[in-house]
Amino acid sequence: MVRWEPGAPERLQKAALELFATRGFEQTTATEIAQSVGLTERTFFRHFSDKREVLFYGQHRLAEAFLAGVDAAAPGASPIEIVASALQSAASFFPDERRPYSRTRQSVIDQNPALQEREGHKLASIATAVAGALRARGVDELAATLAAESGATVFGIAFVQWIREDEQRSLADVAAAVLRELLTLTARSQEGARDDTHR
């Protein structure tokens, strides 16, 4: 009979991050992670296919938060307004009390190229899902792709700023500021193009 372990994935995730941060990702085994919280290697692999997956546990919920933001946008919203709604929704997935955990997790990822690749794939998958949701709202293919890719880029940049030691703003506020900067740059380029045509 399988013994039920309440909160086992969360306990394993917390223990893994602590070991990765102190000993290094490559130097830590799944067995050591499990044993550190009194569980077996078999229990570890019941929840995670490998130790890399521990760092990406729950990422489907982040994608769901993005899509919930798309759904929450007003019916007549522009593609970028829909993306802004998605960013606000996704930011709620990272309350301020989660910032220390996110900092440690990012430091582990930054030291391992394979983990960096997986993190990039995560953002790419979110962009693909958001683009699909935008198309389902009637946004054309090119605009949906551009808006969704821009949203993923804004989120990635905002997240890096949010986990800085001197950052006090919420992730929602940081993401909104990064998006405003993107829109300002776009507006300036449009103004420059108009000026060129009138010369």
C-alpha atoms as a PDB file:
ATOM      1  CA  MET A   1       0.000   0.000   0.000  1.00  0.00           C
ATOM      2  CA  VAL A   2       1.332   3.443  -1.008  1.00  0.00           C
ATOM      3  CA  ARG A   3       1.850   5.768   1.907  1.00  0.00           C
ATOM      4  CA  TRP A   4       0.187   9.151   1.406  1.00  0.00           C
ATOM      5  CA  GLU A   5       2.539  12.080   1.863  1.00  0.00           C
ATOM      6  CA  PRO A   6       0.692  15.379   2.332  1.00  0.00           C
ATOM      7  CA  GLY A   7       2.294  18.216   0.381  1.00  0.00           C
ATOM      8  CA  ALA A   8       5.104  15.995  -0.887  1.00  0.00           C
ATOM      9  CA  PRO A   9       5.697  17.924  -4.156  1.00  0.00           C
ATOM     10  CA  GLU A  10       5.968  21.240  -2.299  1.00  0.00           C
ATOM     11  CA  ARG A  11       8.279  19.754   0.349  1.00  0.00           C
ATOM     12  CA  LEU A  12      10.484  18.207  -2.309  1.00  0.00           C
ATOM     13  CA  GLN A  13      10.539  21.472  -4.259  1.00  0.00           C
ATOM     14  CA  LYS A  14      11.606  23.496  -1.225  1.00  0.00           C
ATOM     15  CA  ALA A  15      14.279  20.969  -0.230  1.00  0.00           C
ATOM     16  CA  ALA A  16      15.605  20.717  -3.778  1.00  0.00           C
ATOM     17  CA  LEU A  17      16.008  24.470  -4.124  1.00  0.00           C
ATOM     18  CA  GLU A  18      17.920  24.663  -0.833  1.00  0.00           C
ATOM     19  CA  LEU A  19      20.262  21.870  -1.926  1.00  0.00           C
ATOM     20  CA  PHE A  20      20.724  23.288  -5.433  1.00  0.00           C
ATOM     21  CA  ALA A  21      21.585  26.690  -3.965  1.00  0.00           C
ATOM     22  CA  THR A  22      24.086  25.364  -1.426  1.00  0.00           C
ATOM     23  CA  ARG A  23      25.624  22.386  -3.250  1.00  0.00           C
ATOM     24  CA  GLY A  24      24.931  23.083  -6.900  1.00  0.00           C
ATOM     25  CA  PHE A  25      22.362  21.636  -9.282  1.00  0.00           C
ATOM     26  CA  GLU A  26      24.668  19.068 -10.884  1.00  0.00           C
ATOM     27  CA  GLN A  27      26.030  17.899  -7.538  1.00  0.00           C
ATOM     28  CA  THR A  28      22.592  17.196  -6.026  1.00  0.00           C
ATOM     29  CA  THR A  29      20.793  13.901  -6.667  1.00  0.00           C
ATOM     30  CA  ALA A  30      17.097  13.078  -6.561  1.00  0.00           C
ATOM     31  CA  THR A  31      17.805  10.604  -3.759  1.00  0.00           C
ATOM     32  CA  GLU A  32      19.436  13.299  -1.640  1.00  0.00           C
ATOM     33  CA  ILE A  33      16.498  15.622  -2.191  1.00  0.00           C
ATOM     34  CA  ALA A  34      14.015  12.969  -1.116  1.00  0.00           C
ATOM     35  CA  GLN A  35      16.054  11.860   1.893  1.00  0.00           C
ATOM     36  CA  SER A  36      16.416  15.445   3.124  1.00  0.00           C
ATOM     37  CA  VAL A  37      12.663  15.538   3.823  1.00  0.00           C
ATOM     38  CA  GLY A  38      12.327  11.932   4.954  1.00  0.00           C
ATOM     39  CA  LEU A  39      10.954  10.583   1.674  1.00  0.00           C
ATOM     40  CA  THR A  40      12.177   7.884  -0.692  1.00  0.00           C
ATOM     41  CA  GLU A  41      13.631   8.234  -4.172  1.00  0.00           C
ATOM     42  CA  ARG A  42      10.579   6.350  -5.434  1.00  0.00           C
ATOM     43  CA  THR A  43       8.323   9.042  -3.942  1.00  0.00           C
ATOM     44  CA  PHE A  44      10.396  11.710  -5.674  1.00  0.00           C
ATOM     45  CA  PHE A  45       9.933  10.086  -9.076  1.00  0.00           C
ATOM     46  CA  ARG A  46       6.239   9.627  -8.441  1.00  0.00           C
ATOM     47  CA  HIS A  47       5.949  13.431  -8.522  1.00  0.00           C
ATOM     48  CA  PHE A  48       8.800  14.490 -10.838  1.00  0.00           C
ATOM     49  CA  SER A  49      10.312  12.864 -13.920  1.00  0.00           C
ATOM     50  CA  ASP A  50      13.763  14.240 -13.030  1.00  0.00           C
ATOM     51  CA  LYS A  51      15.365  16.759 -10.676  1.00  0.00           C
ATOM     52  CA  ARG A  52      15.126  19.519 -13.292  1.00  0.00           C
ATOM     53  CA  GLU A  53      11.328  19.305 -13.167  1.00  0.00           C
ATOM     54  CA  VAL A  54      11.367  20.344  -9.492  1.00  0.00           C
ATOM     55  CA  LEU A  55      12.341  23.874 -10.517  1.00  0.00           C
ATOM     56  CA  PHE A  56       9.460  24.085 -12.991  1.00  0.00           C
ATOM     57  CA  TYR A  57       6.764  22.545 -10.825  1.00  0.00           C
ATOM     58  CA  GLY A  58       3.461  24.384 -11.212  1.00  0.00           C
ATOM     59  CA  GLN A  59       4.420  26.263 -14.383  1.00  0.00           C
ATOM     60  CA  HIS A  60       1.087  25.273 -15.956  1.00  0.00           C
ATOM     61  CA  ARG A  61      -0.577  27.462 -13.322  1.00  0.00           C
ATOM     62  CA  LEU A  62       1.426  30.463 -14.536  1.00  0.00           C
ATOM     63  CA  ALA A  63       0.240  29.810 -18.092  1.00  0.00           C
ATOM     64  CA  GLU A  64      -3.316  29.531 -16.764  1.00  0.00           C
ATOM     65  CA  ALA A  65      -2.896  32.907 -15.029  1.00  0.00           C
ATOM     66  CA  PHE A  66      -1.853  34.511 -18.333  1.00  0.00           C
ATOM     67  CA  LEU A  67      -4.875  33.013 -20.095  1.00  0.00           C
ATOM     68  CA  ALA A  68      -7.203  34.095 -17.290  1.00  0.00           C
ATOM     69  CA  GLY A  69      -5.983  37.650 -17.878  1.00  0.00           C
ATOM     70  CA  VAL A  70      -6.747  37.340 -21.577  1.00  0.00           C
ATOM     71  CA  ASP A  71     -10.275  36.161 -20.742  1.00  0.00           C
ATOM     72  CA  ALA A  72     -10.746  39.024 -18.260  1.00  0.00           C
ATOM     73  CA  ALA A  73      -9.938  41.749 -20.807  1.00  0.00           C
ATOM     74  CA  ALA A  74     -12.861  43.859 -22.044  1.00  0.00           C
ATOM     75  CA  PRO A  75     -14.557  42.653 -25.262  1.00  0.00           C
ATOM     76  CA  GLY A  76     -13.338  45.599 -27.357  1.00  0.00           C
ATOM     77  CA  ALA A  77      -9.816  45.709 -25.941  1.00  0.00           C
ATOM     78  CA  SER A  78      -6.876  46.064 -28.322  1.00  0.00           C
ATOM     79  CA  PRO A  79      -4.309  43.235 -28.523  1.00  0.00           C
ATOM     80  CA  ILE A  80      -1.833  45.144 -26.351  1.00  0.00           C
ATOM     81  CA  GLU A  81      -4.555  45.971 -23.799  1.00  0.00           C
ATOM     82  CA  ILE A  82      -5.374  42.271 -23.634  1.00  0.00           C
ATOM     83  CA  VAL A  83      -1.692  41.498 -23.085  1.00  0.00           C
ATOM     84  CA  ALA A  84      -1.587  44.119 -20.311  1.00  0.00           C
ATOM     85  CA  SER A  85      -4.485  42.308 -18.628  1.00  0.00           C
ATOM     86  CA  ALA A  86      -2.643  38.984 -19.024  1.00  0.00           C
ATOM     87  CA  LEU A  87       0.510  40.467 -17.472  1.00  0.00           C
ATOM     88  CA  GLN A  88      -1.422  41.794 -14.476  1.00  0.00           C
ATOM     89  CA  SER A  89      -3.035  38.404 -13.963  1.00  0.00           C
ATOM     90  CA  ALA A  90       0.288  36.561 -14.260  1.00  0.00           C
ATOM     91  CA  ALA A  91       1.943  38.963 -11.816  1.00  0.00           C
ATOM     92  CA  SER A  92      -0.562  37.943  -9.145  1.00  0.00           C
ATOM     93  CA  PHE A  93       1.091  34.496  -9.284  1.00  0.00           C
ATOM     94  CA  PHE A  94       4.149  36.120  -7.675  1.00  0.00           C
ATOM     95  CA  PRO A  95       3.190  37.921  -4.445  1.00  0.00           C
ATOM     96  CA  ASP A  96       5.965  39.866  -2.730  1.00  0.00           C
ATOM     97  CA  GLU A  97       6.515  37.137  -0.129  1.00  0.00           C
ATOM     98  CA  ARG A  98       7.575  34.835  -2.961  1.00  0.00           C
ATOM     99  CA  ARG A  99      10.401  37.132  -4.033  1.00  0.00           C
ATOM    100  CA  PRO A 100      13.171  35.495  -1.903  1.00  0.00           C
ATOM    101  CA  TYR A 101      12.266  32.053  -3.277  1.00  0.00           C
ATOM    102  CA  SER A 102      12.212  33.406  -6.839  1.00  0.00           C
ATOM    103  CA  ARG A 103      15.620  35.039  -6.364  1.00  0.00           C
ATOM    104  CA  THR A 104      17.168  31.774  -5.180  1.00  0.00           C
ATOM    105  CA  ARG A 105      15.515  29.788  -7.968  1.00  0.00           C
ATOM    106  CA  GLN A 106      16.771  32.236 -10.599  1.00  0.00           C
ATOM    107  CA  SER A 107      20.321  32.082  -9.227  1.00  0.00           C
ATOM    108  CA  VAL A 108      20.259  28.290  -9.655  1.00  0.00           C
ATOM    109  CA  ILE A 109      18.915  28.598 -13.213  1.00  0.00           C
ATOM    110  CA  ASP A 110      21.488  31.273 -14.134  1.00  0.00           C
ATOM    111  CA  GLN A 111      24.308  28.835 -13.329  1.00  0.00           C
ATOM    112  CA  ASN A 112      23.068  26.062 -15.629  1.00  0.00           C
ATOM    113  CA  PRO A 113      22.659  26.448 -19.432  1.00  0.00           C
ATOM    114  CA  ALA A 114      20.187  23.548 -19.671  1.00  0.00           C
ATOM    115  CA  LEU A 115      17.970  25.156 -17.048  1.00  0.00           C
ATOM    116  CA  GLN A 116      18.223  28.517 -18.827  1.00  0.00           C
ATOM    117  CA  GLU A 117      17.061  26.802 -22.011  1.00  0.00           C
ATOM    118  CA  ARG A 118      14.131  25.241 -20.174  1.00  0.00           C
ATOM    119  CA  GLU A 119      13.176  28.620 -18.681  1.00  0.00           C
ATOM    120  CA  GLY A 120      13.252  30.157 -22.148  1.00  0.00           C
ATOM    121  CA  HIS A 121      11.074  27.343 -23.445  1.00  0.00           C
ATOM    122  CA  LYS A 122       8.583  28.057 -20.661  1.00  0.00           C
ATOM    123  CA  LEU A 123       8.183  31.680 -21.758  1.00  0.00           C
ATOM    124  CA  ALA A 124       7.945  30.626 -25.401  1.00  0.00           C
ATOM    125  CA  SER A 125       5.168  28.167 -24.541  1.00  0.00           C
ATOM    126  CA  ILE A 126       3.282  30.890 -22.683  1.00  0.00           C
ATOM    127  CA  ALA A 127       3.610  33.225 -25.678  1.00  0.00           C
ATOM    128  CA  THR A 128       2.232  30.499 -27.949  1.00  0.00           C
ATOM    129  CA  ALA A 129      -0.729  29.914 -25.632  1.00  0.00           C
ATOM    130  CA  VAL A 130      -1.488  33.644 -25.338  1.00  0.00           C
ATOM    131  CA  ALA A 131      -1.263  34.066 -29.119  1.00  0.00           C
ATOM    132  CA  GLY A 132      -3.793  31.264 -29.513  1.00  0.00           C
ATOM    133  CA  ALA A 133      -6.114  32.909 -27.009  1.00  0.00           C
ATOM    134  CA  LEU A 134      -5.808  36.235 -28.841  1.00  0.00           C
ATOM    135  CA  ARG A 135      -6.671  34.579 -32.147  1.00  0.00           C
ATOM    136  CA  ALA A 136      -9.695  32.983 -30.476  1.00  0.00           C
ATOM    137  CA  ARG A 137     -10.816  36.543 -29.625  1.00  0.00           C
ATOM    138  CA  GLY A 138     -10.632  37.508 -33.282  1.00  0.00           C
ATOM    139  CA  VAL A 139      -7.156  39.065 -33.378  1.00  0.00           C
ATOM    140  CA  ASP A 140      -5.402  38.375 -36.685  1.00  0.00           C
ATOM    141  CA  GLU A 141      -2.397  36.039 -36.828  1.00  0.00           C
ATOM    142  CA  LEU A 142       0.403  38.621 -37.059  1.00  0.00           C
ATOM    143  CA  ALA A 143      -1.001  40.965 -34.407  1.00  0.00           C
ATOM    144  CA  ALA A 144      -1.698  38.036 -32.060  1.00  0.00           C
ATOM    145  CA  THR A 145       1.837  36.712 -32.423  1.00  0.00           C
ATOM    146  CA  LEU A 146       3.481  40.130 -32.009  1.00  0.00           C
ATOM    147  CA  ALA A 147       1.379  41.021 -28.971  1.00  0.00           C
ATOM    148  CA  ALA A 148       1.899  37.650 -27.288  1.00  0.00           C
ATOM    149  CA  GLU A 149       5.664  37.576 -27.933  1.00  0.00           C
ATOM    150  CA  SER A 150       5.932  41.162 -26.672  1.00  0.00           C
ATOM    151  CA  GLY A 151       4.010  40.203 -23.542  1.00  0.00           C
ATOM    152  CA  ALA A 152       6.337  37.277 -22.830  1.00  0.00           C
ATOM    153  CA  THR A 153       9.373  39.522 -23.345  1.00  0.00           C
ATOM    154  CA  VAL A 154       7.927  42.182 -21.034  1.00  0.00           C
ATOM    155  CA  PHE A 155       7.244  39.554 -18.383  1.00  0.00           C
ATOM    156  CA  GLY A 156      10.778  38.152 -18.609  1.00  0.00           C
ATOM    157  CA  ILE A 157      12.380  41.603 -18.284  1.00  0.00           C
ATOM    158  CA  ALA A 158      10.013  42.612 -15.476  1.00  0.00           C
ATOM    159  CA  PHE A 159      10.709  39.421 -13.551  1.00  0.00           C
ATOM    160  CA  VAL A 160      14.467  40.004 -13.645  1.00  0.00           C
ATOM    161  CA  GLN A 161      13.926  43.545 -12.322  1.00  0.00           C
ATOM    162  CA  TRP A 162      11.473  42.341  -9.657  1.00  0.00           C
ATOM    163  CA  ILE A 163      13.976  39.915  -8.077  1.00  0.00           C
ATOM    164  CA  ARG A 164      16.734  42.513  -7.775  1.00  0.00           C
ATOM    165  CA  GLU A 165      17.783  43.104  -4.180  1.00  0.00           C
ATOM    166  CA  ASP A 166      16.929  46.806  -4.280  1.00  0.00           C
ATOM    167  CA  GLU A 167      13.520  46.400  -5.956  1.00  0.00           C
ATOM    168  CA  GLN A 168      10.504  47.237  -3.784  1.00  0.00           C
ATOM    169  CA  ARG A 169       7.702  47.454  -6.358  1.00  0.00           C
ATOM    170  CA  SER A 170       5.278  44.615  -6.949  1.00  0.00           C
ATOM    171  CA  LEU A 171       5.747  42.498 -10.054  1.00  0.00           C
ATOM    172  CA  ALA A 172       2.493  43.937 -11.417  1.00  0.00           C
ATOM    173  CA  ASP A 173       3.883  47.477 -11.101  1.00  0.00           C
ATOM    174  CA  VAL A 174       7.225  46.514 -12.648  1.00  0.00           C
ATOM    175  CA  ALA A 175       5.518  44.738 -15.562  1.00  0.00           C
ATOM    176  CA  ALA A 176       3.255  47.743 -16.175  1.00  0.00           C
ATOM    177  CA  ALA A 177       6.303  50.057 -16.227  1.00  0.00           C
ATOM    178  CA  VAL A 178       8.172  47.801 -18.692  1.00  0.00           C
ATOM    179  CA  LEU A 179       5.121  47.614 -20.951  1.00  0.00           C
ATOM    180  CA  ARG A 180       4.799  51.425 -20.869  1.00  0.00           C
ATOM    181  CA  GLU A 181       8.440  51.710 -21.908  1.00  0.00           C
ATOM    182  CA  LEU A 182       7.842  49.349 -24.819  1.00  0.00           C
ATOM    183  CA  LEU A 183       4.822  51.374 -25.957  1.00  0.00           C
ATOM    184  CA  THR A 184       6.815  54.611 -25.622  1.00  0.00           C
ATOM    185  CA  LEU A 185       9.588  53.186 -27.821  1.00  0.00           C
ATOM    186  CA  THR A 186       7.038  52.066 -30.398  1.00  0.00           C
ATOM    187  CA  ALA A 187       5.351  55.489 -30.417  1.00  0.00           C
ATOM    188  CA  ARG A 188       8.718  57.210 -30.889  1.00  0.00           C
ATOM    189  CA  SER A 189       9.595  54.989 -33.845  1.00  0.00           C
ATOM    190  CA  GLN A 190       6.222  55.758 -35.429  1.00  0.00           C
ATOM    191  CA  GLU A 191       6.794  59.484 -34.951  1.00  0.00           C
ATOM    192  CA  GLY A 192      10.234  59.141 -36.509  1.00  0.00           C
ATOM    193  CA  ALA A 193       8.776  57.299 -39.500  1.00  0.00           C
ATOM    194  CA  ARG A 194       6.155  60.032 -39.983  1.00  0.00           C
ATOM    195  CA  ASP A 195       8.811  62.725 -39.828  1.00  0.00           C
ATOM    196  CA  ASP A 196      10.856  60.916 -42.489  1.00  0.00           C
ATOM    197  CA  THR A 197       7.888  60.754 -44.869  1.00  0.00           C
ATOM    198  CA  HIS A 198       7.309  64.502 -44.561  1.00  0.00           C
ATOM    199  CA  ARG A 199      10.869  65.483 -45.396  1.00  0.00           C
END
